[in-house]
């Protein structure tokens, strides 16, 4: 359903279901891994039609090596006197609250923000995100690739300082507005995804890296990505999970979308209970865990096409406490990690 509203530039019918405001975000980080940190953040607040209302920028002391200085330009000396994330969390949150988070490759920006808030033991005030890459695909924009610079060039937006959070956020805000208008004119459903704030988080062993003030040995973001390769599941796949039943050791479980418990912690618990964590969905997948089953992620789409059973995170955590042993294993409830019941 459309409601008539007048825009100062050109009145067009505006979809009533569109969000009331957006927070266009860019964060620069020490790297790409789950335990990397934010070194700067910027937010452009936009109204319902994409008009700029406010802008904000801050440096953040990551309490460790700043990572790829040649990319973001933020050295140890620059960041040493910057506030820690817990010190800017409230102000950052005020600019996000009640708005859809918009970013280029929004899954990355959101994951970094969610982890920082989880470390600070504060809930991130974000409930939905919109990726401008996904929106560009929905609009069918004739882009040579999905880099921000290509989207900017398409709309004639000039980048002044690439990989500077404030300028990247400005560029994205200027490019998002015409995309939003095109979507409204076409009555397009925006590719919004639900955001599940992290409630449980633990930095891995690779978090123990040089801190601010120490010599850097960084040679590329990829070298910092911790290995998550696990041994093969020792149990045969017993088949699909039967709704209302119990999980069984050897079942193949896949995850899609955001989870309130850090994904790797959740996967570790599944492995500890004797389950096989799958990176994709196939006809052999026993169960898909997702808090947003209606979203169009590749795993959700495949699960629907294969008829794979789907449960949300809360139901899965409950099921983990009653995993039954694989055939040929001793009776009783499957043991979780550290010898505890469940996982």
C-alpha atoms as a PDB file:
ATOM      1  CA  UNK A   1       0.000   0.000   0.000  1.00  0.00           C
ATOM      2  CA  UNK A   2       1.290   3.481  -0.844  1.00  0.00           C
ATOM      3  CA  UNK A   3       0.673   6.736   0.922  1.00  0.00           C
ATOM      4  CA  UNK A   4       0.906  10.054  -0.893  1.00  0.00           C
ATOM      5  CA  UNK A   5       3.569  12.323   0.531  1.00  0.00           C
ATOM      6  CA  UNK A   6       5.281  15.346  -0.906  1.00  0.00           C
ATOM      7  CA  UNK A   7       9.029  15.382  -1.365  1.00  0.00           C
ATOM      8  CA  UNK A   8      10.710  18.763  -1.720  1.00  0.00           C
ATOM      9  CA  UNK A   9      12.471  17.624  -4.874  1.00  0.00           C
ATOM     10  CA  UNK A  10       9.908  15.468  -6.661  1.00  0.00           C
ATOM     11  CA  UNK A  11       6.699  14.147  -5.149  1.00  0.00           C
ATOM     12  CA  UNK A  12       6.306  10.413  -5.587  1.00  0.00           C
ATOM     13  CA  UNK A  13       4.093   7.881  -3.842  1.00  0.00           C
ATOM     14  CA  UNK A  14       6.083   6.443  -0.956  1.00  0.00           C
ATOM     15  CA  UNK A  15       5.642   2.855   0.292  1.00  0.00           C
ATOM     16  CA  UNK A  16       3.987   2.958   3.704  1.00  0.00           C
ATOM     17  CA  UNK A  17       5.986  -0.074   4.846  1.00  0.00           C
ATOM     18  CA  UNK A  18       9.359   1.624   4.357  1.00  0.00           C
ATOM     19  CA  UNK A  19      11.368   2.456   7.504  1.00  0.00           C
ATOM     20  CA  UNK A  20      11.051   5.842   9.187  1.00  0.00           C
ATOM     21  CA  UNK A  21      14.769   6.470   9.349  1.00  0.00           C
ATOM     22  CA  UNK A  22      18.196   5.088   8.515  1.00  0.00           C
ATOM     23  CA  UNK A  23      21.656   5.091  10.043  1.00  0.00           C
ATOM     24  CA  UNK A  24      24.272   4.835   7.304  1.00  0.00           C
ATOM     25  CA  UNK A  25      27.326   3.329   8.976  1.00  0.00           C
ATOM     26  CA  UNK A  26      30.949   2.645   8.175  1.00  0.00           C
ATOM     27  CA  UNK A  27      33.525   1.147  10.525  1.00  0.00           C
ATOM     28  CA  UNK A  28      37.249   0.727   9.981  1.00  0.00           C
ATOM     29  CA  UNK A  29      38.800  -2.230  11.776  1.00  0.00           C
ATOM     30  CA  UNK A  30      42.059  -3.915  12.736  1.00  0.00           C
ATOM     31  CA  UNK A  31      41.266  -6.789  10.392  1.00  0.00           C
ATOM     32  CA  UNK A  32      38.556  -9.156   9.210  1.00  0.00           C
ATOM     33  CA  UNK A  33      38.434 -11.874  11.871  1.00  0.00           C
ATOM     34  CA  UNK A  34      35.825 -12.342  14.589  1.00  0.00           C
ATOM     35  CA  UNK A  35      38.172 -11.022  17.283  1.00  0.00           C
ATOM     36  CA  UNK A  36      39.336  -7.944  15.361  1.00  0.00           C
ATOM     37  CA  UNK A  37      38.362  -4.538  16.696  1.00  0.00           C
ATOM     38  CA  UNK A  38      36.873  -1.259  15.494  1.00  0.00           C
ATOM     39  CA  UNK A  39      39.328   1.653  15.163  1.00  0.00           C
ATOM     40  CA  UNK A  40      36.901   4.272  13.838  1.00  0.00           C
ATOM     41  CA  UNK A  41      33.175   4.590  13.231  1.00  0.00           C
ATOM     42  CA  UNK A  42      30.902   7.041  11.439  1.00  0.00           C
ATOM     43  CA  UNK A  43      27.133   7.437  11.189  1.00  0.00           C
ATOM     44  CA  UNK A  44      25.022   9.531   8.847  1.00  0.00           C
ATOM     45  CA  UNK A  45      21.439   9.750  10.102  1.00  0.00           C
ATOM     46  CA  UNK A  46      18.878   9.916   7.298  1.00  0.00           C
ATOM     47  CA  UNK A  47      15.142  10.510   7.416  1.00  0.00           C
ATOM     48  CA  UNK A  48      12.542   8.242   5.807  1.00  0.00           C
ATOM     49  CA  UNK A  49      13.371   9.548   2.325  1.00  0.00           C
ATOM     50  CA  UNK A  50      17.122   9.478   2.690  1.00  0.00           C
ATOM     51  CA  UNK A  51      17.751  13.127   3.534  1.00  0.00           C
ATOM     52  CA  UNK A  52      20.694  13.800   5.857  1.00  0.00           C
ATOM     53  CA  UNK A  53      19.756  14.802   9.398  1.00  0.00           C
ATOM     54  CA  UNK A  54      23.046  14.453  11.253  1.00  0.00           C
ATOM     55  CA  UNK A  55      26.566  13.068  11.028  1.00  0.00           C
ATOM     56  CA  UNK A  56      28.956  11.685  13.648  1.00  0.00           C
ATOM     57  CA  UNK A  57      32.480  10.300  13.716  1.00  0.00           C
ATOM     58  CA  UNK A  58      34.823   8.919  16.333  1.00  0.00           C
ATOM     59  CA  UNK A  59      38.148   7.181  16.664  1.00  0.00           C
ATOM     60  CA  UNK A  60      38.237   4.088  18.866  1.00  0.00           C
ATOM     61  CA  UNK A  61      41.258   2.738  20.740  1.00  0.00           C
ATOM     62  CA  UNK A  62      41.251  -1.011  19.944  1.00  0.00           C
ATOM     63  CA  UNK A  63      43.694  -1.734  22.801  1.00  0.00           C
ATOM     64  CA  UNK A  64      45.879  -3.640  20.373  1.00  0.00           C
ATOM     65  CA  UNK A  65      47.780  -3.301  17.128  1.00  0.00           C
ATOM     66  CA  UNK A  66      45.796  -1.129  14.678  1.00  0.00           C
ATOM     67  CA  UNK A  67      46.286  -3.570  11.812  1.00  0.00           C
ATOM     68  CA  UNK A  68      46.369  -2.365   8.179  1.00  0.00           C
ATOM     69  CA  UNK A  69      47.503   1.227   8.723  1.00  0.00           C
ATOM     70  CA  UNK A  70      48.213   1.522   4.986  1.00  0.00           C
ATOM     71  CA  UNK A  71      44.466   1.083   4.399  1.00  0.00           C
ATOM     72  CA  UNK A  72      42.743   3.118   7.130  1.00  0.00           C
ATOM     73  CA  UNK A  73      45.699   5.414   7.983  1.00  0.00           C
ATOM     74  CA  UNK A  74      45.178   5.143  11.747  1.00  0.00           C
ATOM     75  CA  UNK A  75      48.487   4.611  13.506  1.00  0.00           C
ATOM     76  CA  UNK A  76      49.268   3.573  17.051  1.00  0.00           C
ATOM     77  CA  UNK A  77      50.077   7.181  17.956  1.00  0.00           C
ATOM     78  CA  UNK A  78      46.764   8.460  16.563  1.00  0.00           C
ATOM     79  CA  UNK A  79      44.692   5.834  18.389  1.00  0.00           C
ATOM     80  CA  UNK A  80      46.525   5.854  21.709  1.00  0.00           C
ATOM     81  CA  UNK A  81      44.488   8.741  23.129  1.00  0.00           C
ATOM     82  CA  UNK A  82      41.182   7.730  21.503  1.00  0.00           C
ATOM     83  CA  UNK A  83      38.245   6.563  23.656  1.00  0.00           C
ATOM     84  CA  UNK A  84      37.647   2.871  24.253  1.00  0.00           C
ATOM     85  CA  UNK A  85      34.521   1.380  22.692  1.00  0.00           C
ATOM     86  CA  UNK A  86      32.608   1.154  26.024  1.00  0.00           C
ATOM     87  CA  UNK A  87      33.153   4.911  26.375  1.00  0.00           C
ATOM     88  CA  UNK A  88      31.450   5.685  23.059  1.00  0.00           C
ATOM     89  CA  UNK A  89      28.902   2.836  23.059  1.00  0.00           C
ATOM     90  CA  UNK A  90      26.056   4.973  24.411  1.00  0.00           C
ATOM     91  CA  UNK A  91      26.630   7.865  22.006  1.00  0.00           C
ATOM     92  CA  UNK A  92      27.024   5.456  19.089  1.00  0.00           C
ATOM     93  CA  UNK A  93      23.844   3.680  20.119  1.00  0.00           C
ATOM     94  CA  UNK A  94      21.851   6.912  20.253  1.00  0.00           C
ATOM     95  CA  UNK A  95      22.585   7.399  16.558  1.00  0.00           C
ATOM     96  CA  UNK A  96      21.541   3.853  15.677  1.00  0.00           C
ATOM     97  CA  UNK A  97      18.462   3.411  17.842  1.00  0.00           C
ATOM     98  CA  UNK A  98      15.125   3.258  16.053  1.00  0.00           C
ATOM     99  CA  UNK A  99      16.759   3.248  12.630  1.00  0.00           C
ATOM    100  CA  UNK A 100      17.676   0.665  10.014  1.00  0.00           C
ATOM    101  CA  UNK A 101      21.439   0.191   9.865  1.00  0.00           C
ATOM    102  CA  UNK A 102      22.619   0.736   6.282  1.00  0.00           C
ATOM    103  CA  UNK A 103      26.093  -0.332   5.187  1.00  0.00           C
ATOM    104  CA  UNK A 104      27.987  -1.600   2.166  1.00  0.00           C
ATOM    105  CA  UNK A 105      28.421  -5.303   2.990  1.00  0.00           C
ATOM    106  CA  UNK A 106      26.235  -4.749   6.041  1.00  0.00           C
ATOM    107  CA  UNK A 107      26.823  -8.232   7.437  1.00  0.00           C
ATOM    108  CA  UNK A 108      30.436  -7.290   8.162  1.00  0.00           C
ATOM    109  CA  UNK A 109      29.749  -3.873   9.717  1.00  0.00           C
ATOM    110  CA  UNK A 110      26.924  -5.289  11.818  1.00  0.00           C
ATOM    111  CA  UNK A 111      28.999  -8.236  13.027  1.00  0.00           C
ATOM    112  CA  UNK A 112      31.832  -5.938  14.132  1.00  0.00           C
ATOM    113  CA  UNK A 113      29.414  -3.593  15.904  1.00  0.00           C
ATOM    114  CA  UNK A 114      27.527  -6.450  17.589  1.00  0.00           C
ATOM    115  CA  UNK A 115      30.765  -7.959  18.886  1.00  0.00           C
ATOM    116  CA  UNK A 116      32.009  -4.664  20.282  1.00  0.00           C
ATOM    117  CA  UNK A 117      28.729  -4.146  22.131  1.00  0.00           C
ATOM    118  CA  UNK A 118      28.855  -7.714  23.431  1.00  0.00           C
ATOM    119  CA  UNK A 119      32.394  -7.159  24.743  1.00  0.00           C
ATOM    120  CA  UNK A 120      31.148  -4.012  26.472  1.00  0.00           C
ATOM    121  CA  UNK A 121      28.260  -6.049  27.945  1.00  0.00           C
ATOM    122  CA  UNK A 122      25.718  -3.706  26.354  1.00  0.00           C
ATOM    123  CA  UNK A 123      22.948  -4.574  23.904  1.00  0.00           C
ATOM    124  CA  UNK A 124      23.366  -3.035  20.476  1.00  0.00           C
ATOM    125  CA  UNK A 125      20.202  -1.012  19.669  1.00  0.00           C
ATOM    126  CA  UNK A 126      19.854  -2.339  16.123  1.00  0.00           C
ATOM    127  CA  UNK A 127      16.973  -4.500  14.961  1.00  0.00           C
ATOM    128  CA  UNK A 128      17.239  -4.380  11.163  1.00  0.00           C
ATOM    129  CA  UNK A 129      19.946  -3.839   8.592  1.00  0.00           C
ATOM    130  CA  UNK A 130      20.022  -3.119   4.878  1.00  0.00           C
ATOM    131  CA  UNK A 131      22.966  -3.941   2.653  1.00  0.00           C
ATOM    132  CA  UNK A 132      23.465  -1.559  -0.258  1.00  0.00           C
ATOM    133  CA  UNK A 133      25.049  -4.384  -2.247  1.00  0.00           C
ATOM    134  CA  UNK A 134      21.831  -6.379  -1.922  1.00  0.00           C
ATOM    135  CA  UNK A 135      19.759  -3.301  -2.790  1.00  0.00           C
ATOM    136  CA  UNK A 136      21.873  -2.665  -5.897  1.00  0.00           C
ATOM    137  CA  UNK A 137      21.240  -6.242  -7.016  1.00  0.00           C
ATOM    138  CA  UNK A 138      17.502  -5.888  -6.398  1.00  0.00           C
ATOM    139  CA  UNK A 139      17.487  -2.704  -8.501  1.00  0.00           C
ATOM    140  CA  UNK A 140      19.538  -4.330 -11.242  1.00  0.00           C
ATOM    141  CA  UNK A 141      22.039  -1.453 -11.334  1.00  0.00           C
ATOM    142  CA  UNK A 142      24.571  -1.875 -14.180  1.00  0.00           C
ATOM    143  CA  UNK A 143      27.667  -1.973 -11.965  1.00  0.00           C
ATOM    144  CA  UNK A 144      30.949  -3.620 -13.050  1.00  0.00           C
ATOM    145  CA  UNK A 145      31.365  -4.978  -9.518  1.00  0.00           C
ATOM    146  CA  UNK A 146      29.966  -4.422  -6.046  1.00  0.00           C
ATOM    147  CA  UNK A 147      32.658  -2.130  -4.653  1.00  0.00           C
ATOM    148  CA  UNK A 148      31.558   1.095  -2.971  1.00  0.00           C
ATOM    149  CA  UNK A 149      33.589   3.100  -5.485  1.00  0.00           C
ATOM    150  CA  UNK A 150      31.574   1.566  -8.335  1.00  0.00           C
ATOM    151  CA  UNK A 151      28.245   2.408  -6.686  1.00  0.00           C
ATOM    152  CA  UNK A 152      29.503   5.935  -6.019  1.00  0.00           C
ATOM    153  CA  UNK A 153      30.651   6.368  -9.627  1.00  0.00           C
ATOM    154  CA  UNK A 154      27.273   5.176 -10.911  1.00  0.00           C
ATOM    155  CA  UNK A 155      25.555   8.070  -9.132  1.00  0.00           C
ATOM    156  CA  UNK A 156      28.360  10.584  -9.697  1.00  0.00           C
ATOM    157  CA  UNK A 157      29.346  10.721  -6.032  1.00  0.00           C
ATOM    158  CA  UNK A 158      32.967  11.759  -5.546  1.00  0.00           C
ATOM    159  CA  UNK A 159      35.062   9.940  -2.961  1.00  0.00           C
ATOM    160  CA  UNK A 160      37.512  12.199  -1.152  1.00  0.00           C
ATOM    161  CA  UNK A 161      39.162   9.856   1.383  1.00  0.00           C
ATOM    162  CA  UNK A 162      38.544   6.174   0.667  1.00  0.00           C
ATOM    163  CA  UNK A 163      38.667   3.976   3.791  1.00  0.00           C
ATOM    164  CA  UNK A 164      38.109   6.958   6.071  1.00  0.00           C
ATOM    165  CA  UNK A 165      34.953   6.037   7.989  1.00  0.00           C
ATOM    166  CA  UNK A 166      33.340   9.482   7.817  1.00  0.00           C
ATOM    167  CA  UNK A 167      33.919   9.947   4.093  1.00  0.00           C
ATOM    168  CA  UNK A 168      32.896   6.376   3.279  1.00  0.00           C
ATOM    169  CA  UNK A 169      29.675   6.910   5.258  1.00  0.00           C
ATOM    170  CA  UNK A 170      29.061  10.200   3.415  1.00  0.00           C
ATOM    171  CA  UNK A 171      29.617   8.570   0.023  1.00  0.00           C
ATOM    172  CA  UNK A 172      27.313   5.715   0.906  1.00  0.00           C
ATOM    173  CA  UNK A 173      24.612   8.066   2.210  1.00  0.00           C
ATOM    174  CA  UNK A 174      24.717  10.051  -1.035  1.00  0.00           C
ATOM    175  CA  UNK A 175      24.554   6.873  -3.117  1.00  0.00           C
ATOM    176  CA  UNK A 176      21.871   5.263  -0.946  1.00  0.00           C
ATOM    177  CA  UNK A 177      19.389   8.097  -1.391  1.00  0.00           C
ATOM    178  CA  UNK A 178      18.868   7.687  -5.165  1.00  0.00           C
ATOM    179  CA  UNK A 179      18.770   3.915  -4.728  1.00  0.00           C
ATOM    180  CA  UNK A 180      16.078   4.325  -2.092  1.00  0.00           C
ATOM    181  CA  UNK A 181      14.063   6.580  -4.403  1.00  0.00           C
ATOM    182  CA  UNK A 182      14.349   4.106  -7.276  1.00  0.00           C
ATOM    183  CA  UNK A 183      13.127   1.348  -4.969  1.00  0.00           C
ATOM    184  CA  UNK A 184      10.186   3.500  -3.827  1.00  0.00           C
ATOM    185  CA  UNK A 185       9.218   4.421  -7.374  1.00  0.00           C
ATOM    186  CA  UNK A 186       9.219   0.736  -8.320  1.00  0.00           C
ATOM    187  CA  UNK A 187       7.341  -0.276  -5.167  1.00  0.00           C
ATOM    188  CA  UNK A 188      10.250  -2.603  -4.407  1.00  0.00           C
ATOM    189  CA  UNK A 189      10.361  -4.497  -1.138  1.00  0.00           C
ATOM    190  CA  UNK A 190      13.576  -3.431   0.594  1.00  0.00           C
ATOM    191  CA  UNK A 191      15.993  -6.297   1.379  1.00  0.00           C
ATOM    192  CA  UNK A 192      15.825  -5.787   5.146  1.00  0.00           C
ATOM    193  CA  UNK A 193      17.335  -8.399   7.432  1.00  0.00           C
ATOM    194  CA  UNK A 194      16.726  -8.861  11.145  1.00  0.00           C
ATOM    195  CA  UNK A 195      19.650  -8.205  13.488  1.00  0.00           C
ATOM    196  CA  UNK A 196      20.096 -10.434  16.517  1.00  0.00           C
ATOM    197  CA  UNK A 197      22.250  -8.662  19.141  1.00  0.00           C
ATOM    198  CA  UNK A 198      24.889 -10.856  20.762  1.00  0.00           C
ATOM    199  CA  UNK A 199      24.188 -11.817  24.352  1.00  0.00           C
ATOM    200  CA  UNK A 200      27.149 -14.139  24.807  1.00  0.00           C
ATOM    201  CA  UNK A 201      30.651 -13.597  23.509  1.00  0.00           C
ATOM    202  CA  UNK A 202      34.167 -14.918  24.014  1.00  0.00           C
ATOM    203  CA  UNK A 203      37.307 -13.783  22.202  1.00  0.00           C
ATOM    204  CA  UNK A 204      39.351 -16.683  20.892  1.00  0.00           C
ATOM    205  CA  UNK A 205      43.034 -17.312  21.643  1.00  0.00           C
ATOM    206  CA  UNK A 206      44.038 -15.290  18.579  1.00  0.00           C
ATOM    207  CA  UNK A 207      42.782 -12.177  20.371  1.00  0.00           C
ATOM    208  CA  UNK A 208      46.031 -12.072  22.319  1.00  0.00           C
ATOM    209  CA  UNK A 209      47.839  -9.870  19.844  1.00  0.00           C
ATOM    210  CA  UNK A 210      50.160  -6.867  20.229  1.00  0.00           C
ATOM    211  CA  UNK A 211      48.428  -3.994  21.983  1.00  0.00           C
ATOM    212  CA  UNK A 212      48.616  -0.285  21.295  1.00  0.00           C
ATOM    213  CA  UNK A 213      52.159   0.903  21.867  1.00  0.00           C
ATOM    214  CA  UNK A 214      53.815  -2.396  20.825  1.00  0.00           C
ATOM    215  CA  UNK A 215      55.595  -3.138  17.576  1.00  0.00           C
ATOM    216  CA  UNK A 216      53.332  -4.451  14.823  1.00  0.00           C
ATOM    217  CA  UNK A 217      54.085  -7.672  12.969  1.00  0.00           C
ATOM    218  CA  UNK A 218      50.925  -7.405  10.856  1.00  0.00           C
ATOM    219  CA  UNK A 219      51.352  -8.531   7.243  1.00  0.00           C
ATOM    220  CA  UNK A 220      47.776  -8.755   6.022  1.00  0.00           C
ATOM    221  CA  UNK A 221      44.279  -9.214   7.431  1.00  0.00           C
ATOM    222  CA  UNK A 222      43.993 -12.780   6.196  1.00  0.00           C
ATOM    223  CA  UNK A 223      46.979 -13.857   8.331  1.00  0.00           C
ATOM    224  CA  UNK A 224      45.037 -12.859  11.430  1.00  0.00           C
ATOM    225  CA  UNK A 225      41.967 -14.932  10.714  1.00  0.00           C
ATOM    226  CA  UNK A 226      41.860 -17.731  13.300  1.00  0.00           C
ATOM    227  CA  UNK A 227      41.572 -21.273  12.019  1.00  0.00           C
ATOM    228  CA  UNK A 228      38.217 -22.872  12.755  1.00  0.00           C
ATOM    229  CA  UNK A 229      38.917 -26.212  11.074  1.00  0.00           C
ATOM    230  CA  UNK A 230      37.516 -28.981  13.230  1.00  0.00           C
ATOM    231  CA  UNK A 231      38.103 -32.731  13.155  1.00  0.00           C
ATOM    232  CA  UNK A 232      35.565 -34.741  11.203  1.00  0.00           C
ATOM    233  CA  UNK A 233      32.455 -35.768  13.097  1.00  0.00           C
ATOM    234  CA  UNK A 234      33.068 -39.365  14.264  1.00  0.00           C
ATOM    235  CA  UNK A 235      29.409 -40.372  14.016  1.00  0.00           C
ATOM    236  CA  UNK A 236      27.410 -41.337  10.899  1.00  0.00           C
ATOM    237  CA  UNK A 237      24.593 -39.062   9.784  1.00  0.00           C
ATOM    238  CA  UNK A 238      21.358 -40.615  11.121  1.00  0.00           C
ATOM    239  CA  UNK A 239      19.224 -38.500   8.782  1.00  0.00           C
ATOM    240  CA  UNK A 240      16.909 -35.569   9.266  1.00  0.00           C
ATOM    241  CA  UNK A 241      15.704 -34.167  12.523  1.00  0.00           C
ATOM    242  CA  UNK A 242      12.049 -34.997  13.136  1.00  0.00           C
ATOM    243  CA  UNK A 243      10.135 -31.944  14.411  1.00  0.00           C
ATOM    244  CA  UNK A 244       9.147 -32.511  18.008  1.00  0.00           C
ATOM    245  CA  UNK A 245      11.829 -35.163  18.431  1.00  0.00           C
ATOM    246  CA  UNK A 246      15.411 -35.081  19.649  1.00  0.00           C
ATOM    247  CA  UNK A 247      18.728 -34.431  18.028  1.00  0.00           C
ATOM    248  CA  UNK A 248      21.027 -37.407  17.533  1.00  0.00           C
ATOM    249  CA  UNK A 249      24.786 -37.492  17.380  1.00  0.00           C
ATOM    250  CA  UNK A 250      26.021 -37.281  13.799  1.00  0.00           C
ATOM    251  CA  UNK A 251      23.203 -35.066  12.560  1.00  0.00           C
ATOM    252  CA  UNK A 252      24.312 -32.349  10.126  1.00  0.00           C
ATOM    253  CA  UNK A 253      23.359 -28.902  11.432  1.00  0.00           C
ATOM    254  CA  UNK A 254      23.715 -25.650   9.488  1.00  0.00           C
ATOM    255  CA  UNK A 255      23.298 -22.079  10.766  1.00  0.00           C
ATOM    256  CA  UNK A 256      21.993 -19.037   8.905  1.00  0.00           C
ATOM    257  CA  UNK A 257      21.779 -15.387   9.936  1.00  0.00           C
ATOM    258  CA  UNK A 258      22.482 -13.700  13.244  1.00  0.00           C
ATOM    259  CA  UNK A 259      22.399 -15.504  16.577  1.00  0.00           C
ATOM    260  CA  UNK A 260      22.277 -14.032  20.079  1.00  0.00           C
ATOM    261  CA  UNK A 261      25.072 -16.369  21.185  1.00  0.00           C
ATOM    262  CA  UNK A 262      28.254 -15.800  19.187  1.00  0.00           C
ATOM    263  CA  UNK A 263      28.080 -18.136  16.193  1.00  0.00           C
ATOM    264  CA  UNK A 264      31.372 -19.857  16.925  1.00  0.00           C
ATOM    265  CA  UNK A 265      30.393 -20.531  20.532  1.00  0.00           C
ATOM    266  CA  UNK A 266      27.127 -22.026  19.312  1.00  0.00           C
ATOM    267  CA  UNK A 267      28.967 -24.161  16.762  1.00  0.00           C
ATOM    268  CA  UNK A 268      31.436 -25.307  19.421  1.00  0.00           C
ATOM    269  CA  UNK A 269      28.551 -26.458  21.606  1.00  0.00           C
ATOM    270  CA  UNK A 270      27.017 -28.347  18.702  1.00  0.00           C
ATOM    271  CA  UNK A 271      30.320 -30.084  17.961  1.00  0.00           C
ATOM    272  CA  UNK A 272      30.787 -30.844  21.642  1.00  0.00           C
ATOM    273  CA  UNK A 273      27.408 -32.576  21.667  1.00  0.00           C
ATOM    274  CA  UNK A 274      28.465 -34.817  18.779  1.00  0.00           C
ATOM    275  CA  UNK A 275      26.785 -32.973  15.913  1.00  0.00           C
ATOM    276  CA  UNK A 276      28.285 -32.212  12.492  1.00  0.00           C
ATOM    277  CA  UNK A 277      28.368 -28.471  11.790  1.00  0.00           C
ATOM    278  CA  UNK A 278      27.812 -27.978   8.056  1.00  0.00           C
ATOM    279  CA  UNK A 279      28.867 -24.826   6.201  1.00  0.00           C
ATOM    280  CA  UNK A 280      26.099 -25.186   3.619  1.00  0.00           C
ATOM    281  CA  UNK A 281      22.674 -26.771   3.196  1.00  0.00           C
ATOM    282  CA  UNK A 282      22.221 -29.883   1.071  1.00  0.00           C
ATOM    283  CA  UNK A 283      19.798 -32.797   0.860  1.00  0.00           C
ATOM    284  CA  UNK A 284      21.844 -34.431   3.637  1.00  0.00           C
ATOM    285  CA  UNK A 285      21.388 -31.560   6.090  1.00  0.00           C
ATOM    286  CA  UNK A 286      19.470 -32.712   9.156  1.00  0.00           C
ATOM    287  CA  UNK A 287      18.474 -29.284  10.483  1.00  0.00           C
ATOM    288  CA  UNK A 288      18.824 -25.564   9.743  1.00  0.00           C
ATOM    289  CA  UNK A 289      19.031 -23.140  12.673  1.00  0.00           C
ATOM    290  CA  UNK A 290      17.938 -19.572  11.909  1.00  0.00           C
ATOM    291  CA  UNK A 291      16.169 -16.725  13.686  1.00  0.00           C
ATOM    292  CA  UNK A 292      14.940 -15.312  10.381  1.00  0.00           C
ATOM    293  CA  UNK A 293      13.534 -18.192   8.288  1.00  0.00           C
ATOM    294  CA  UNK A 294      11.750 -15.853   5.868  1.00  0.00           C
ATOM    295  CA  UNK A 295      14.933 -14.122   4.710  1.00  0.00           C
ATOM    296  CA  UNK A 296      16.315 -14.941   1.278  1.00  0.00           C
ATOM    297  CA  UNK A 297      19.724 -16.245   2.326  1.00  0.00           C
ATOM    298  CA  UNK A 298      21.036 -19.099   0.185  1.00  0.00           C
ATOM    299  CA  UNK A 299      20.764 -21.497   3.120  1.00  0.00           C
ATOM    300  CA  UNK A 300      17.143 -20.559   3.801  1.00  0.00           C
ATOM    301  CA  UNK A 301      16.252 -20.873   0.125  1.00  0.00           C
ATOM    302  CA  UNK A 302      17.900 -24.300  -0.137  1.00  0.00           C
ATOM    303  CA  UNK A 303      16.280 -25.483   3.096  1.00  0.00           C
ATOM    304  CA  UNK A 304      12.856 -24.581   1.719  1.00  0.00           C
ATOM    305  CA  UNK A 305      13.561 -26.315  -1.587  1.00  0.00           C
ATOM    306  CA  UNK A 306      14.829 -29.482   0.121  1.00  0.00           C
ATOM    307  CA  UNK A 307      12.188 -29.488   2.853  1.00  0.00           C
ATOM    308  CA  UNK A 308      14.915 -29.314   5.507  1.00  0.00           C
ATOM    309  CA  UNK A 309      13.508 -28.906   9.051  1.00  0.00           C
ATOM    310  CA  UNK A 310      14.100 -25.419  10.511  1.00  0.00           C
ATOM    311  CA  UNK A 311      14.211 -24.276  14.147  1.00  0.00           C
ATOM    312  CA  UNK A 312      15.184 -20.998  15.784  1.00  0.00           C
ATOM    313  CA  UNK A 313      18.146 -20.497  18.087  1.00  0.00           C
ATOM    314  CA  UNK A 314      16.215 -20.827  21.346  1.00  0.00           C
ATOM    315  CA  UNK A 315      14.712 -24.143  20.267  1.00  0.00           C
ATOM    316  CA  UNK A 316      18.108 -25.406  19.136  1.00  0.00           C
ATOM    317  CA  UNK A 317      19.754 -24.550  22.455  1.00  0.00           C
ATOM    318  CA  UNK A 318      17.001 -26.484  24.194  1.00  0.00           C
ATOM    319  CA  UNK A 319      17.502 -29.438  21.851  1.00  0.00           C
ATOM    320  CA  UNK A 320      21.238 -29.426  22.617  1.00  0.00           C
ATOM    321  CA  UNK A 321      20.502 -30.409  26.189  1.00  0.00           C
ATOM    322  CA  UNK A 322      18.933 -33.690  25.024  1.00  0.00           C
ATOM    323  CA  UNK A 323      21.141 -35.021  22.219  1.00  0.00           C
ATOM    324  CA  UNK A 324      20.786 -38.803  21.991  1.00  0.00           C
ATOM    325  CA  UNK A 325      23.839 -41.038  21.403  1.00  0.00           C
ATOM    326  CA  UNK A 326      24.717 -42.333  17.965  1.00  0.00           C
ATOM    327  CA  UNK A 327      23.908 -45.935  17.160  1.00  0.00           C
ATOM    328  CA  UNK A 328      26.363 -48.245  18.859  1.00  0.00           C
ATOM    329  CA  UNK A 329      27.281 -45.668  21.518  1.00  0.00           C
ATOM    330  CA  UNK A 330      26.588 -46.171  25.242  1.00  0.00           C
ATOM    331  CA  UNK A 331      23.050 -45.256  26.283  1.00  0.00           C
ATOM    332  CA  UNK A 332      22.092 -42.086  28.072  1.00  0.00           C
ATOM    333  CA  UNK A 333      22.265 -38.431  27.135  1.00  0.00           C
ATOM    334  CA  UNK A 334      25.130 -37.407  24.873  1.00  0.00           C
ATOM    335  CA  UNK A 335      27.982 -35.691  26.621  1.00  0.00           C
ATOM    336  CA  UNK A 336      28.768 -32.078  25.756  1.00  0.00           C
ATOM    337  CA  UNK A 337      32.060 -30.261  25.935  1.00  0.00           C
ATOM    338  CA  UNK A 338      34.205 -30.679  29.055  1.00  0.00           C
ATOM    339  CA  UNK A 339      32.218 -33.768  30.003  1.00  0.00           C
ATOM    340  CA  UNK A 340      29.104 -31.825  30.928  1.00  0.00           C
ATOM    341  CA  UNK A 341      25.593 -32.791  29.958  1.00  0.00           C
ATOM    342  CA  UNK A 342      24.428 -31.259  26.733  1.00  0.00           C
ATOM    343  CA  UNK A 343      26.594 -28.414  25.453  1.00  0.00           C
END
